[in-house]
Amino acid sequence: MKTYLAVLAIAAHVPLAAAQQSVPRSGPADPAAPAPAFQYDSAFSNYRGFREAPLAPWRDVNDEVARVGGHIGIIRGLHGGQGSTRPDAKPTAGNSAPGSESGKPR
């Protein structure tokens, strides 16, 4: 069995040995050695200059913010409707923010 595996390993390397070039290669210090052609690719070849995005009219933007319930309504929309469902819910003296005592920040 060992002989069979040794012969198989040698047979597998024969095509690799035959594929090697027998032509002597020139050294890198040889000035007559052929070199690949130089090709310059600029880092800025696909650069696109800055363009400002078109601005929406400020009245339309303010109306949209008011429609969704202010900045809290926008945040609630980003988080999938978590939190209060009423857009007019405002904290009062009895309804303090979490982490504060009697409505006063620490």
PDB file of N, CA and C in Angstrom:
ATOM      1  N   MET A   1       0.824  -1.189   0.000  1.00  0.00           N
ATOM      2  CA  MET A   1       0.000   0.000   0.000  1.00  0.00           C
ATOM      3  C   MET A   1       0.871   1.257   0.000  1.00  0.00           C
ATOM      4  N   LYS A   2       1.980   1.248   0.785  1.00  0.00           N
ATOM      5  CA  LYS A   2       2.860   2.407   0.840  1.00  0.00           C
ATOM      6  C   LYS A   2       3.528   2.639  -0.513  1.00  0.00           C
ATOM      7  N   THR A   3       3.887   1.568  -1.183  1.00  0.00           N
ATOM      8  CA  THR A   3       4.521   1.694  -2.487  1.00  0.00           C
ATOM      9  C   THR A   3       3.545   2.305  -3.488  1.00  0.00           C
ATOM     10  N   TYR A   4       2.306   1.866  -3.406  1.00  0.00           N
ATOM     11  CA  TYR A   4       1.266   2.373  -4.306  1.00  0.00           C
ATOM     12  C   TYR A   4       1.096   3.882  -4.102  1.00  0.00           C
ATOM     13  N   LEU A   5       1.060   4.342  -2.840  1.00  0.00           N
ATOM     14  CA  LEU A   5       0.888   5.770  -2.570  1.00  0.00           C
ATOM     15  C   LEU A   5       2.113   6.574  -3.033  1.00  0.00           C
ATOM     16  N   ALA A   6       3.307   6.005  -2.884  1.00  0.00           N
ATOM     17  CA  ALA A   6       4.512   6.689  -3.324  1.00  0.00           C
ATOM     18  C   ALA A   6       4.525   6.843  -4.836  1.00  0.00           C
ATOM     19  N   VAL A   7       4.145   5.802  -5.555  1.00  0.00           N
ATOM     20  CA  VAL A   7       4.094   5.868  -7.015  1.00  0.00           C
ATOM     21  C   VAL A   7       3.032   6.866  -7.459  1.00  0.00           C
ATOM     22  N   LEU A   8       1.910   6.883  -6.767  1.00  0.00           N
ATOM     23  CA  LEU A   8       0.825   7.817  -7.095  1.00  0.00           C
ATOM     24  C   LEU A   8       1.266   9.267  -6.873  1.00  0.00           C
ATOM     25  N   ALA A   9       1.996   9.533  -5.791  1.00  0.00           N
ATOM     26  CA  ALA A   9       2.482  10.885  -5.513  1.00  0.00           C
ATOM     27  C   ALA A   9       3.486  11.344  -6.557  1.00  0.00           C
ATOM     28  N   ILE A  10       4.364  10.453  -6.965  1.00  0.00           N
ATOM     29  CA  ILE A  10       5.353  10.794  -7.993  1.00  0.00           C
ATOM     30  C   ILE A  10       4.649  11.025  -9.330  1.00  0.00           C
ATOM     31  N   ALA A  11       3.668  10.194  -9.653  1.00  0.00           N
ATOM     32  CA  ALA A  11       2.937  10.351 -10.910  1.00  0.00           C
ATOM     33  C   ALA A  11       2.159  11.668 -10.942  1.00  0.00           C
ATOM     34  N   ALA A  12       1.712  12.128  -9.781  1.00  0.00           N
ATOM     35  CA  ALA A  12       0.977  13.388  -9.735  1.00  0.00           C
ATOM     36  C   ALA A  12       1.909  14.572  -9.978  1.00  0.00           C
ATOM     37  N   HIS A  13       3.172  14.449  -9.634  1.00  0.00           N
ATOM     38  CA  HIS A  13       4.117  15.545  -9.801  1.00  0.00           C
ATOM     39  C   HIS A  13       4.778  15.581 -11.178  1.00  0.00           C
ATOM     40  N   VAL A  14       4.669  14.535 -11.950  1.00  0.00           N
ATOM     41  CA  VAL A  14       5.301  14.490 -13.278  1.00  0.00           C
ATOM     42  C   VAL A  14       4.736  15.586 -14.187  1.00  0.00           C
ATOM     43  N   PRO A  15       3.425  15.780 -14.292  1.00  0.00           N
ATOM     44  CA  PRO A  15       2.926  16.854 -15.177  1.00  0.00           C
ATOM     45  C   PRO A  15       3.367  18.247 -14.714  1.00  0.00           C
ATOM     46  N   LEU A  16       3.493  18.421 -13.410  1.00  0.00           N
ATOM     47  CA  LEU A  16       3.948  19.714 -12.909  1.00  0.00           C
ATOM     48  C   LEU A  16       5.399  19.974 -13.283  1.00  0.00           C
ATOM     49  N   ALA A  17       6.212  18.952 -13.220  1.00  0.00           N
ATOM     50  CA  ALA A  17       7.615  19.105 -13.585  1.00  0.00           C
ATOM     51  C   ALA A  17       7.753  19.363 -15.081  1.00  0.00           C
ATOM     52  N   ALA A  18       6.910  18.747 -15.888  1.00  0.00           N
ATOM     53  CA  ALA A  18       6.979  18.939 -17.337  1.00  0.00           C
ATOM     54  C   ALA A  18       6.503  20.330 -17.729  1.00  0.00           C
ATOM     55  N   ALA A  19       5.668  20.951 -16.911  1.00  0.00           N
ATOM     56  CA  ALA A  19       5.139  22.272 -17.237  1.00  0.00           C
ATOM     57  C   ALA A  19       6.128  23.394 -16.933  1.00  0.00           C
ATOM     58  N   GLN A  20       7.195  23.096 -16.208  1.00  0.00           N
ATOM     59  CA  GLN A  20       8.189  24.115 -15.880  1.00  0.00           C
ATOM     60  C   GLN A  20       8.936  24.527 -17.144  1.00  0.00           C
ATOM     61  N   GLN A  21       9.227  25.813 -17.212  1.00  0.00           N
ATOM     62  CA  GLN A  21       9.972  26.317 -18.368  1.00  0.00           C
ATOM     63  C   GLN A  21      11.454  25.982 -18.211  1.00  0.00           C
ATOM     64  N   SER A  22      12.041  25.570 -19.311  1.00  0.00           N
ATOM     65  CA  SER A  22      13.472  25.262 -19.273  1.00  0.00           C
ATOM     66  C   SER A  22      14.289  26.447 -19.782  1.00  0.00           C
ATOM     67  N   VAL A  23      13.637  27.564 -20.126  1.00  0.00           N
ATOM     68  CA  VAL A  23      14.333  28.739 -20.624  1.00  0.00           C
ATOM     69  C   VAL A  23      14.908  29.489 -19.425  1.00  0.00           C
ATOM     70  N   PRO A  24      16.191  29.803 -19.457  1.00  0.00           N
ATOM     71  CA  PRO A  24      16.758  30.550 -18.330  1.00  0.00           C
ATOM     72  C   PRO A  24      16.172  31.961 -18.284  1.00  0.00           C
ATOM     73  N   ARG A  25      15.850  32.391 -17.075  1.00  0.00           N
ATOM     74  CA  ARG A  25      15.279  33.726 -16.902  1.00  0.00           C
ATOM     75  C   ARG A  25      16.389  34.733 -16.664  1.00  0.00           C
ATOM     76  N   SER A  26      16.158  35.955 -17.110  1.00  0.00           N
ATOM     77  CA  SER A  26      17.155  36.993 -16.876  1.00  0.00           C
ATOM     78  C   SER A  26      16.935  37.580 -15.483  1.00  0.00           C
ATOM     79  N   GLY A  27      17.984  38.067 -14.906  1.00  0.00           N
ATOM     80  CA  GLY A  27      17.916  38.638 -13.567  1.00  0.00           C
ATOM     81  C   GLY A  27      17.267  40.021 -13.574  1.00  0.00           C
ATOM     82  N   PRO A  28      16.805  40.493 -12.425  1.00  0.00           N
ATOM     83  CA  PRO A  28      16.161  41.799 -12.372  1.00  0.00           C
ATOM     84  C   PRO A  28      17.128  42.957 -12.599  1.00  0.00           C
ATOM     85  N   ALA A  29      18.425  42.728 -12.421  1.00  0.00           N
ATOM     86  CA  ALA A  29      19.409  43.787 -12.640  1.00  0.00           C
ATOM     87  C   ALA A  29      19.850  43.871 -14.091  1.00  0.00           C
ATOM     88  N   ASP A  30      19.407  42.963 -14.934  1.00  0.00           N
ATOM     89  CA  ASP A  30      19.801  42.938 -16.343  1.00  0.00           C
ATOM     90  C   ASP A  30      19.048  44.042 -17.085  1.00  0.00           C
ATOM     91  N   PRO A  31      19.756  45.010 -17.689  1.00  0.00           N
ATOM     92  CA  PRO A  31      19.053  46.092 -18.386  1.00  0.00           C
ATOM     93  C   PRO A  31      18.368  45.640 -19.669  1.00  0.00           C
ATOM     94  N   ALA A  32      18.729  44.504 -20.203  1.00  0.00           N
ATOM     95  CA  ALA A  32      18.112  43.999 -21.434  1.00  0.00           C
ATOM     96  C   ALA A  32      16.903  43.124 -21.144  1.00  0.00           C
ATOM     97  N   ALA A  33      16.579  42.929 -19.879  1.00  0.00           N
ATOM     98  CA  ALA A  33      15.452  42.065 -19.521  1.00  0.00           C
ATOM     99  C   ALA A  33      14.138  42.737 -19.925  1.00  0.00           C
ATOM    100  N   PRO A  34      13.227  41.969 -20.480  1.00  0.00           N
ATOM    101  CA  PRO A  34      11.942  42.565 -20.863  1.00  0.00           C
ATOM    102  C   PRO A  34      11.137  42.929 -19.614  1.00  0.00           C
ATOM    103  N   ALA A  35      10.428  44.017 -19.699  1.00  0.00           N
ATOM    104  CA  ALA A  35       9.604  44.484 -18.575  1.00  0.00           C
ATOM    105  C   ALA A  35       8.178  44.708 -19.066  1.00  0.00           C
ATOM    106  N   PRO A  36       7.210  44.526 -18.208  1.00  0.00           N
ATOM    107  CA  PRO A  36       5.835  44.773 -18.627  1.00  0.00           C
ATOM    108  C   PRO A  36       5.629  46.262 -18.910  1.00  0.00           C
ATOM    109  N   ALA A  37       4.708  46.539 -19.796  1.00  0.00           N
ATOM    110  CA  ALA A  37       4.422  47.927 -20.163  1.00  0.00           C
ATOM    111  C   ALA A  37       3.820  48.662 -18.965  1.00  0.00           C
ATOM    112  N   PHE A  38       4.228  49.914 -18.784  1.00  0.00           N
ATOM    113  CA  PHE A  38       3.723  50.735 -17.684  1.00  0.00           C
ATOM    114  C   PHE A  38       2.361  51.298 -18.052  1.00  0.00           C
ATOM    115  N   GLN A  39       1.439  51.204 -17.127  1.00  0.00           N
ATOM    116  CA  GLN A  39       0.102  51.743 -17.357  1.00  0.00           C
ATOM    117  C   GLN A  39      -0.268  52.608 -16.164  1.00  0.00           C
ATOM    118  N   TYR A  40      -0.588  53.869 -16.413  1.00  0.00           N
ATOM    119  CA  TYR A  40      -0.927  54.804 -15.346  1.00  0.00           C
ATOM    120  C   TYR A  40      -2.442  54.859 -15.183  1.00  0.00           C
ATOM    121  N   ASP A  41      -2.914  54.606 -13.959  1.00  0.00           N
ATOM    122  CA  ASP A  41      -4.322  54.739 -13.637  1.00  0.00           C
ATOM    123  C   ASP A  41      -4.452  55.800 -12.550  1.00  0.00           C
ATOM    124  N   SER A  42      -5.085  56.891 -12.871  1.00  0.00           N
ATOM    125  CA  SER A  42      -5.230  57.981 -11.916  1.00  0.00           C
ATOM    126  C   SER A  42      -6.211  57.602 -10.813  1.00  0.00           C
ATOM    127  N   ALA A  43      -5.921  58.027  -9.599  1.00  0.00           N
ATOM    128  CA  ALA A  43      -6.826  57.785  -8.471  1.00  0.00           C
ATOM    129  C   ALA A  43      -8.084  58.627  -8.608  1.00  0.00           C
ATOM    130  N   PHE A  44      -8.053  59.652  -9.417  1.00  0.00           N
ATOM    131  CA  PHE A  44      -9.193  60.552  -9.570  1.00  0.00           C
ATOM    132  C   PHE A  44      -9.972  60.308 -10.862  1.00  0.00           C
ATOM    133  N   SER A  45      -9.759  59.184 -11.523  1.00  0.00           N
ATOM    134  CA  SER A  45     -10.420  58.955 -12.804  1.00  0.00           C
ATOM    135  C   SER A  45     -11.935  58.828 -12.665  1.00  0.00           C
ATOM    136  N   ASN A  46     -12.437  58.301 -11.549  1.00  0.00           N
ATOM    137  CA  ASN A  46     -13.882  58.158 -11.362  1.00  0.00           C
ATOM    138  C   ASN A  46     -14.436  59.180 -10.368  1.00  0.00           C
ATOM    139  N   TYR A  47     -13.689  60.247 -10.093  1.00  0.00           N
ATOM    140  CA  TYR A  47     -14.111  61.242  -9.114  1.00  0.00           C
ATOM    141  C   TYR A  47     -15.283  62.060  -9.638  1.00  0.00           C
ATOM    142  N   ARG A  48     -16.281  62.238  -8.760  1.00  0.00           N
ATOM    143  CA  ARG A  48     -17.409  63.119  -9.076  1.00  0.00           C
ATOM    144  C   ARG A  48     -17.367  64.276  -8.092  1.00  0.00           C
ATOM    145  N   GLY A  49     -17.422  65.467  -8.589  1.00  0.00           N
ATOM    146  CA  GLY A  49     -17.366  66.651  -7.745  1.00  0.00           C
ATOM    147  C   GLY A  49     -18.600  66.772  -6.855  1.00  0.00           C
ATOM    148  N   PHE A  50     -18.472  67.565  -5.786  1.00  0.00           N
ATOM    149  CA  PHE A  50     -19.575  67.772  -4.848  1.00  0.00           C
ATOM    150  C   PHE A  50     -20.687  68.553  -5.521  1.00  0.00           C
ATOM    151  N   ARG A  51     -21.897  68.082  -5.317  1.00  0.00           N
ATOM    152  CA  ARG A  51     -23.080  68.791  -5.805  1.00  0.00           C
ATOM    153  C   ARG A  51     -24.059  68.891  -4.643  1.00  0.00           C
ATOM    154  N   GLU A  52     -24.523  70.084  -4.391  1.00  0.00           N
ATOM    155  CA  GLU A  52     -25.476  70.249  -3.309  1.00  0.00           C
ATOM    156  C   GLU A  52     -26.812  69.634  -3.701  1.00  0.00           C
ATOM    157  N   ALA A  53     -27.455  69.014  -2.705  1.00  0.00           N
ATOM    158  CA  ALA A  53     -28.768  68.422  -2.939  1.00  0.00           C
ATOM    159  C   ALA A  53     -29.793  69.545  -3.052  1.00  0.00           C
ATOM    160  N   PRO A  54     -30.804  69.353  -3.867  1.00  0.00           N
ATOM    161  CA  PRO A  54     -31.825  70.389  -3.970  1.00  0.00           C
ATOM    162  C   PRO A  54     -32.568  70.520  -2.636  1.00  0.00           C
ATOM    163  N   LEU A  55     -32.797  71.746  -2.225  1.00  0.00           N
ATOM    164  CA  LEU A  55     -33.475  72.010  -0.967  1.00  0.00           C
ATOM    165  C   LEU A  55     -34.976  72.081  -1.182  1.00  0.00           C
ATOM    166  N   ALA A  56     -35.715  71.568  -0.211  1.00  0.00           N
ATOM    167  CA  ALA A  56     -37.167  71.660  -0.243  1.00  0.00           C
ATOM    168  C   ALA A  56     -37.583  73.012   0.329  1.00  0.00           C
ATOM    169  N   PRO A  57     -38.718  73.534  -0.083  1.00  0.00           N
ATOM    170  CA  PRO A  57     -39.193  74.791   0.488  1.00  0.00           C
ATOM    171  C   PRO A  57     -39.411  74.631   1.997  1.00  0.00           C
ATOM    172  N   TRP A  58     -38.961  75.605   2.790  1.00  0.00           N
ATOM    173  CA  TRP A  58     -38.992  75.470   4.242  1.00  0.00           C
ATOM    174  C   TRP A  58     -40.405  75.378   4.780  1.00  0.00           C
ATOM    175  N   ARG A  59     -41.366  75.986   4.144  1.00  0.00           N
ATOM    176  CA  ARG A  59     -42.757  75.896   4.629  1.00  0.00           C
ATOM    177  C   ARG A  59     -43.272  74.458   4.498  1.00  0.00           C
ATOM    178  N   ASP A  60     -42.955  73.805   3.394  1.00  0.00           N
ATOM    179  CA  ASP A  60     -43.392  72.415   3.212  1.00  0.00           C
ATOM    180  C   ASP A  60     -42.745  71.502   4.253  1.00  0.00           C
ATOM    181  N   VAL A  61     -41.458  71.727   4.541  1.00  0.00           N
ATOM    182  CA  VAL A  61     -40.756  70.911   5.528  1.00  0.00           C
ATOM    183  C   VAL A  61     -41.359  71.140   6.918  1.00  0.00           C
ATOM    184  N   ASN A  62     -41.637  72.402   7.269  1.00  0.00           N
ATOM    185  CA  ASN A  62     -42.245  72.686   8.568  1.00  0.00           C
ATOM    186  C   ASN A  62     -43.638  72.077   8.678  1.00  0.00           C
ATOM    187  N   ASP A  63     -44.413  72.120   7.615  1.00  0.00           N
ATOM    188  CA  ASP A  63     -45.748  71.508   7.636  1.00  0.00           C
ATOM    189  C   ASP A  63     -45.646  69.993   7.820  1.00  0.00           C
ATOM    190  N   GLU A  64     -44.664  69.363   7.205  1.00  0.00           N
ATOM    191  CA  GLU A  64     -44.479  67.915   7.355  1.00  0.00           C
ATOM    192  C   GLU A  64     -44.114  67.554   8.788  1.00  0.00           C
ATOM    193  N   VAL A  65     -43.226  68.344   9.409  1.00  0.00           N
ATOM    194  CA  VAL A  65     -42.847  68.090  10.803  1.00  0.00           C
ATOM    195  C   VAL A  65     -44.050  68.249  11.713  1.00  0.00           C
ATOM    196  N   ALA A  66     -44.879  69.261  11.460  1.00  0.00           N
ATOM    197  CA  ALA A  66     -46.084  69.456  12.274  1.00  0.00           C
ATOM    198  C   ALA A  66     -47.066  68.306  12.069  1.00  0.00           C
ATOM    199  N   ARG A  67     -47.161  67.786  10.853  1.00  0.00           N
ATOM    200  CA  ARG A  67     -48.108  66.708  10.558  1.00  0.00           C
ATOM    201  C   ARG A  67     -47.742  65.429  11.304  1.00  0.00           C
ATOM    202  N   VAL A  68     -46.448  65.113  11.435  1.00  0.00           N
ATOM    203  CA  VAL A  68     -46.046  63.870  12.099  1.00  0.00           C
ATOM    204  C   VAL A  68     -45.943  64.013  13.613  1.00  0.00           C
ATOM    205  N   GLY A  69     -46.147  65.209  14.137  1.00  0.00           N
ATOM    206  CA  GLY A  69     -46.139  65.384  15.579  1.00  0.00           C
ATOM    207  C   GLY A  69     -44.844  65.966  16.107  1.00  0.00           C
ATOM    208  N   GLY A  70     -44.174  66.776  15.336  1.00  0.00           N
ATOM    209  CA  GLY A  70     -42.940  67.407  15.786  1.00  0.00           C
ATOM    210  C   GLY A  70     -41.756  66.465  15.642  1.00  0.00           C
ATOM    211  N   HIS A  71     -40.664  66.860  16.280  1.00  0.00           N
ATOM    212  CA  HIS A  71     -39.447  66.051  16.174  1.00  0.00           C
ATOM    213  C   HIS A  71     -39.620  64.693  16.841  1.00  0.00           C
ATOM    214  N   ILE A  72     -40.407  64.625  17.896  1.00  0.00           N
ATOM    215  CA  ILE A  72     -40.673  63.336  18.548  1.00  0.00           C
ATOM    216  C   ILE A  72     -41.436  62.421  17.595  1.00  0.00           C
ATOM    217  N   GLY A  73     -42.342  62.961  16.821  1.00  0.00           N
ATOM    218  CA  GLY A  73     -43.070  62.158  15.841  1.00  0.00           C
ATOM    219  C   GLY A  73     -42.159  61.589  14.776  1.00  0.00           C
ATOM    220  N   ILE A  74     -41.149  62.356  14.384  1.00  0.00           N
ATOM    221  CA  ILE A  74     -40.183  61.869  13.391  1.00  0.00           C
ATOM    222  C   ILE A  74     -39.365  60.735  13.986  1.00  0.00           C
ATOM    223  N   ILE A  75     -38.900  60.918  15.231  1.00  0.00           N
ATOM    224  CA  ILE A  75     -38.114  59.874  15.882  1.00  0.00           C
ATOM    225  C   ILE A  75     -38.955  58.621  16.083  1.00  0.00           C
ATOM    226  N   ARG A  76     -40.207  58.784  16.483  1.00  0.00           N
ATOM    227  CA  ARG A  76     -41.097  57.641  16.670  1.00  0.00           C
ATOM    228  C   ARG A  76     -41.278  56.903  15.349  1.00  0.00           C
ATOM    229  N   GLY A  77     -41.346  57.626  14.255  1.00  0.00           N
ATOM    230  CA  GLY A  77     -41.486  56.997  12.943  1.00  0.00           C
ATOM    231  C   GLY A  77     -40.251  56.213  12.555  1.00  0.00           C
ATOM    232  N   LEU A  78     -39.072  56.669  12.975  1.00  0.00           N
ATOM    233  CA  LEU A  78     -37.829  55.961  12.659  1.00  0.00           C
ATOM    234  C   LEU A  78     -37.691  54.673  13.448  1.00  0.00           C
ATOM    235  N   HIS A  79     -38.280  54.631  14.650  1.00  0.00           N
ATOM    236  CA  HIS A  79     -38.142  53.467  15.518  1.00  0.00           C
ATOM    237  C   HIS A  79     -39.362  52.554  15.463  1.00  0.00           C
ATOM    238  N   GLY A  80     -40.123  52.643  14.418  1.00  0.00           N
ATOM    239  CA  GLY A  80     -41.234  51.717  14.225  1.00  0.00           C
ATOM    240  C   GLY A  80     -42.410  51.951  15.152  1.00  0.00           C
ATOM    241  N   GLY A  81     -42.648  53.195  15.565  1.00  0.00           N
ATOM    242  CA  GLY A  81     -43.831  53.503  16.361  1.00  0.00           C
ATOM    243  C   GLY A  81     -43.685  53.185  17.832  1.00  0.00           C
ATOM    244  N   GLN A  82     -42.470  53.040  18.336  1.00  0.00           N
ATOM    245  CA  GLN A  82     -42.284  52.776  19.751  1.00  0.00           C
ATOM    246  C   GLN A  82     -42.553  54.054  20.531  1.00  0.00           C
ATOM    247  N   GLY A  83     -42.966  53.909  21.773  1.00  0.00           N
ATOM    248  CA  GLY A  83     -43.204  55.064  22.623  1.00  0.00           C
ATOM    249  C   GLY A  83     -44.669  55.448  22.623  1.00  0.00           C
ATOM    250  N   SER A  84     -44.926  56.687  22.975  1.00  0.00           N
ATOM    251  CA  SER A  84     -46.301  57.172  23.069  1.00  0.00           C
ATOM    252  C   SER A  84     -46.943  57.208  21.698  1.00  0.00           C
ATOM    253  N   THR A  85     -48.214  56.888  21.627  1.00  0.00           N
ATOM    254  CA  THR A  85     -48.926  56.894  20.353  1.00  0.00           C
ATOM    255  C   THR A  85     -49.617  58.226  20.116  1.00  0.00           C
ATOM    256  N   ARG A  86     -49.676  59.088  21.131  1.00  0.00           N
ATOM    257  CA  ARG A  86     -50.323  60.384  20.967  1.00  0.00           C
ATOM    258  C   ARG A  86     -49.283  61.427  20.588  1.00  0.00           C
ATOM    259  N   PRO A  87     -49.479  62.148  19.487  1.00  0.00           N
ATOM    260  CA  PRO A  87     -48.515  63.173  19.126  1.00  0.00           C
ATOM    261  C   PRO A  87     -48.570  64.377  20.055  1.00  0.00           C
ATOM    262  N   ASP A  88     -49.673  64.547  20.806  1.00  0.00           N
ATOM    263  CA  ASP A  88     -49.788  65.708  21.685  1.00  0.00           C
ATOM    264  C   ASP A  88     -49.381  65.390  23.118  1.00  0.00           C
ATOM    265  N   ALA A  89     -48.795  64.219  23.386  1.00  0.00           N
ATOM    266  CA  ALA A  89     -48.388  63.846  24.737  1.00  0.00           C
ATOM    267  C   ALA A  89     -47.188  64.687  25.151  1.00  0.00           C
ATOM    268  N   LYS A  90     -47.336  65.440  26.238  1.00  0.00           N
ATOM    269  CA  LYS A  90     -46.273  66.305  26.731  1.00  0.00           C
ATOM    270  C   LYS A  90     -46.042  65.991  28.189  1.00  0.00           C
ATOM    271  N   PRO A  91     -44.793  66.049  28.657  1.00  0.00           N
ATOM    272  CA  PRO A  91     -44.540  65.783  30.072  1.00  0.00           C
ATOM    273  C   PRO A  91     -45.091  66.911  30.938  1.00  0.00           C
ATOM    274  N   THR A  92     -45.628  66.531  32.086  1.00  0.00           N
ATOM    275  CA  THR A  92     -46.129  67.511  33.051  1.00  0.00           C
ATOM    276  C   THR A  92     -45.326  67.349  34.324  1.00  0.00           C
ATOM    277  N   ALA A  93     -45.664  68.145  35.348  1.00  0.00           N
ATOM    278  CA  ALA A  93     -44.938  68.074  36.615  1.00  0.00           C
ATOM    279  C   ALA A  93     -45.080  66.703  37.245  1.00  0.00           C
ATOM    280  N   GLY A  94     -46.227  66.061  37.137  1.00  0.00           N
ATOM    281  CA  GLY A  94     -46.436  64.733  37.687  1.00  0.00           C
ATOM    282  C   GLY A  94     -45.880  63.637  36.810  1.00  0.00           C
ATOM    283  N   ASN A  95     -45.688  63.933  35.531  1.00  0.00           N
ATOM    284  CA  ASN A  95     -45.192  62.958  34.560  1.00  0.00           C
ATOM    285  C   ASN A  95     -43.754  63.329  34.220  1.00  0.00           C
ATOM    286  N   SER A  96     -42.820  62.991  35.124  1.00  0.00           N
ATOM    287  CA  SER A  96     -41.428  63.402  34.932  1.00  0.00           C
ATOM    288  C   SER A  96     -40.706  62.433  34.011  1.00  0.00           C
ATOM    289  N   ALA A  97     -39.578  62.913  33.537  1.00  0.00           N
ATOM    290  CA  ALA A  97     -38.764  62.086  32.662  1.00  0.00           C
ATOM    291  C   ALA A  97     -38.101  60.981  33.486  1.00  0.00           C
ATOM    292  N   PRO A  98     -37.811  59.828  32.858  1.00  0.00           N
ATOM    293  CA  PRO A  98     -37.148  58.763  33.606  1.00  0.00           C
ATOM    294  C   PRO A  98     -35.787  59.215  34.075  1.00  0.00           C
ATOM    295  N   GLY A  99     -35.449  58.858  35.338  1.00  0.00           N
ATOM    296  CA  GLY A  99     -34.157  59.198  35.869  1.00  0.00           C
ATOM    297  C   GLY A  99     -34.116  60.522  36.586  1.00  0.00           C
ATOM    298  N   SER A 100     -35.231  61.249  36.637  1.00  0.00           N
ATOM    299  CA  SER A 100     -35.249  62.513  37.351  1.00  0.00           C
ATOM    300  C   SER A 100     -36.259  62.428  38.482  1.00  0.00           C
ATOM    301  N   GLU A 101     -36.042  63.221  39.489  1.00  0.00           N
ATOM    302  CA  GLU A 101     -36.937  63.223  40.645  1.00  0.00           C
ATOM    303  C   GLU A 101     -37.776  64.477  40.621  1.00  0.00           C
ATOM    304  N   SER A 102     -39.062  64.346  40.774  1.00  0.00           N
ATOM    305  CA  SER A 102     -40.049  65.426  40.831  1.00  0.00           C
ATOM    306  C   SER A 102     -39.935  66.378  39.645  1.00  0.00           C
ATOM    307  N   GLY A 103     -39.608  65.837  38.476  1.00  0.00           N
ATOM    308  CA  GLY A 103     -39.609  66.644  37.265  1.00  0.00           C
ATOM    309  C   GLY A 103     -38.384  67.510  37.088  1.00  0.00           C
ATOM    310  N   LYS A 104     -37.443  67.504  38.038  1.00  0.00           N
ATOM    311  CA  LYS A 104     -36.232  68.330  37.926  1.00  0.00           C
ATOM    312  C   LYS A 104     -35.054  67.463  37.473  1.00  0.00           C
ATOM    313  N   PRO A 105     -34.300  67.976  36.500  1.00  0.00           N
ATOM    314  CA  PRO A 105     -33.140  67.191  36.080  1.00  0.00           C
ATOM    315  C   PRO A 105     -32.073  67.203  37.151  1.00  0.00           C
ATOM    316  N   ARG A 106     -31.270  66.172  37.171  1.00  0.00           N
ATOM    317  CA  ARG A 106     -30.185  66.081  38.163  1.00  0.00           C
ATOM    318  C   ARG A 106     -29.034  66.953  37.809  1.00  0.00           C
TER     319      ARG A 106
END
